[in-house]
Amino acid sequence: MKKNYRSKYRPEYPSDFHFDYKDPVTLGRFMMDGGKIVPSRISKLSQNQQRRLAAAIKQARNLSLVASGSSAYDHYDRPEPISPKPFSL
């Protein structure tokens, strides 16, 4: 049977999902451009998941696996913007 309601939480992260501090790609999905942690009302994680996520992000920041702060996000892991126009003399 099909559910007739929309779940409050994200289905791709079950309640027993372990957020690993050594995985900056997954943690980066839950961080804003300025380095702040996305609130649970936006990330759609439960309170327990949000707490574990925040602890993993803070641990990754302490080990410098994830940038911490807005000044670090200026050039952190971002390629330089390239013009779509071809270069000509």
Protein backbone atom coordinates (compact mmCIF):
# COMPACT_ATOMS: atom_id res chain seq x y z
CA MET A 1 0.00 0.00 0.00
CA LYS A 2 1.10 3.52 -0.73
CA LYS A 3 1.53 6.05 2.07
CA ASN A 4 -0.78 9.04 1.80
CA TYR A 5 1.39 11.32 3.90
CA ARG A 6 4.82 12.83 3.56
CA SER A 7 7.36 11.82 6.16
CA LYS A 8 8.92 14.54 8.28
CA TYR A 9 12.39 12.98 8.11
CA ARG A 10 14.73 12.04 5.27
CA PRO A 11 14.27 8.45 4.13
CA GLU A 12 17.90 8.06 2.94
CA TYR A 13 19.25 8.40 6.50
CA PRO A 14 17.69 5.77 8.79
CA SER A 15 17.55 6.39 12.52
CA ASP A 16 20.62 4.22 13.17
CA PHE A 17 22.77 5.88 10.46
CA HIS A 18 26.29 6.66 11.70
CA PHE A 19 27.67 10.01 10.49
CA ASP A 20 31.39 9.44 10.09
CA TYR A 21 33.73 12.34 10.77
CA LYS A 22 36.17 10.90 8.18
CA ASP A 23 33.66 11.40 5.34
CA PRO A 24 33.75 15.12 4.44
CA VAL A 25 31.53 14.65 1.37
CA THR A 26 28.55 13.51 3.44
CA LEU A 27 29.20 16.11 6.11
CA GLY A 28 29.51 18.82 3.48
CA ARG A 29 25.91 18.24 2.44
CA PHE A 30 24.82 19.49 5.85
CA MET A 31 26.98 22.62 5.94
CA MET A 32 26.22 26.05 4.51
CA ASP A 33 28.71 28.03 2.42
CA GLY A 34 29.85 30.00 5.46
CA GLY A 35 30.69 26.81 7.37
CA LYS A 36 27.60 26.77 9.57
CA ILE A 37 25.71 23.55 10.27
CA VAL A 38 22.32 23.42 8.56
CA PRO A 39 19.44 23.43 11.09
CA SER A 40 17.30 20.33 11.46
CA ARG A 41 14.18 22.05 10.10
CA ILE A 42 16.03 22.44 6.79
CA SER A 43 18.10 19.24 6.81
CA LYS A 44 15.03 17.13 7.78
CA LEU A 45 17.00 15.08 10.31
CA SER A 46 15.64 13.97 13.65
CA GLN A 47 16.90 15.57 16.85
CA ASN A 48 19.13 12.60 17.67
CA GLN A 49 20.56 12.49 14.14
CA GLN A 50 21.18 16.25 14.17
CA ARG A 51 23.09 15.93 17.46
CA ARG A 52 25.27 13.12 16.08
CA LEU A 53 25.82 15.06 12.85
CA ALA A 54 26.92 18.18 14.74
CA ALA A 55 29.36 16.13 16.82
CA ALA A 56 30.82 14.54 13.66
CA ILE A 57 31.20 17.94 11.93
CA LYS A 58 32.89 19.44 14.99
CA GLN A 59 35.27 16.50 15.20
CA ALA A 60 36.09 16.82 11.48
CA ARG A 61 36.73 20.56 11.96
CA ASN A 62 39.15 19.85 14.81
CA LEU A 63 41.08 17.46 12.57
CA SER A 64 40.95 19.96 9.65
CA LEU A 65 39.07 17.54 7.40
CA VAL A 66 36.34 20.15 6.89
CA ALA A 67 36.92 23.89 6.68
CA SER A 68 35.72 25.97 9.59
CA GLY A 69 34.71 29.57 9.01
CA SER A 70 33.73 31.83 6.16
CA SER A 71 37.27 32.88 5.20
CA ALA A 72 38.23 29.25 4.58
CA TYR A 73 35.39 28.85 2.09
CA ASP A 74 36.73 31.47 -0.32
CA HIS A 75 38.91 29.01 -2.25
CA TYR A 76 38.44 25.72 -0.38
CA ASP A 77 38.11 22.79 -2.83
CA ARG A 78 36.51 24.94 -5.47
CA PRO A 79 37.91 25.18 -8.98
CA GLU A 80 38.52 28.57 -10.46
CA PRO A 81 35.62 29.83 -12.55
CA ILE A 82 36.36 29.44 -16.24
CA SER A 83 34.70 31.55 -18.86
CA PRO A 84 32.51 29.61 -21.31
CA LYS A 85 33.89 31.71 -24.15
CA PRO A 86 36.98 30.30 -25.87
CA PHE A 87 40.19 32.25 -25.48
CA SER A 88 41.29 34.21 -28.52
CA LEU A 89 43.93 36.82 -29.30
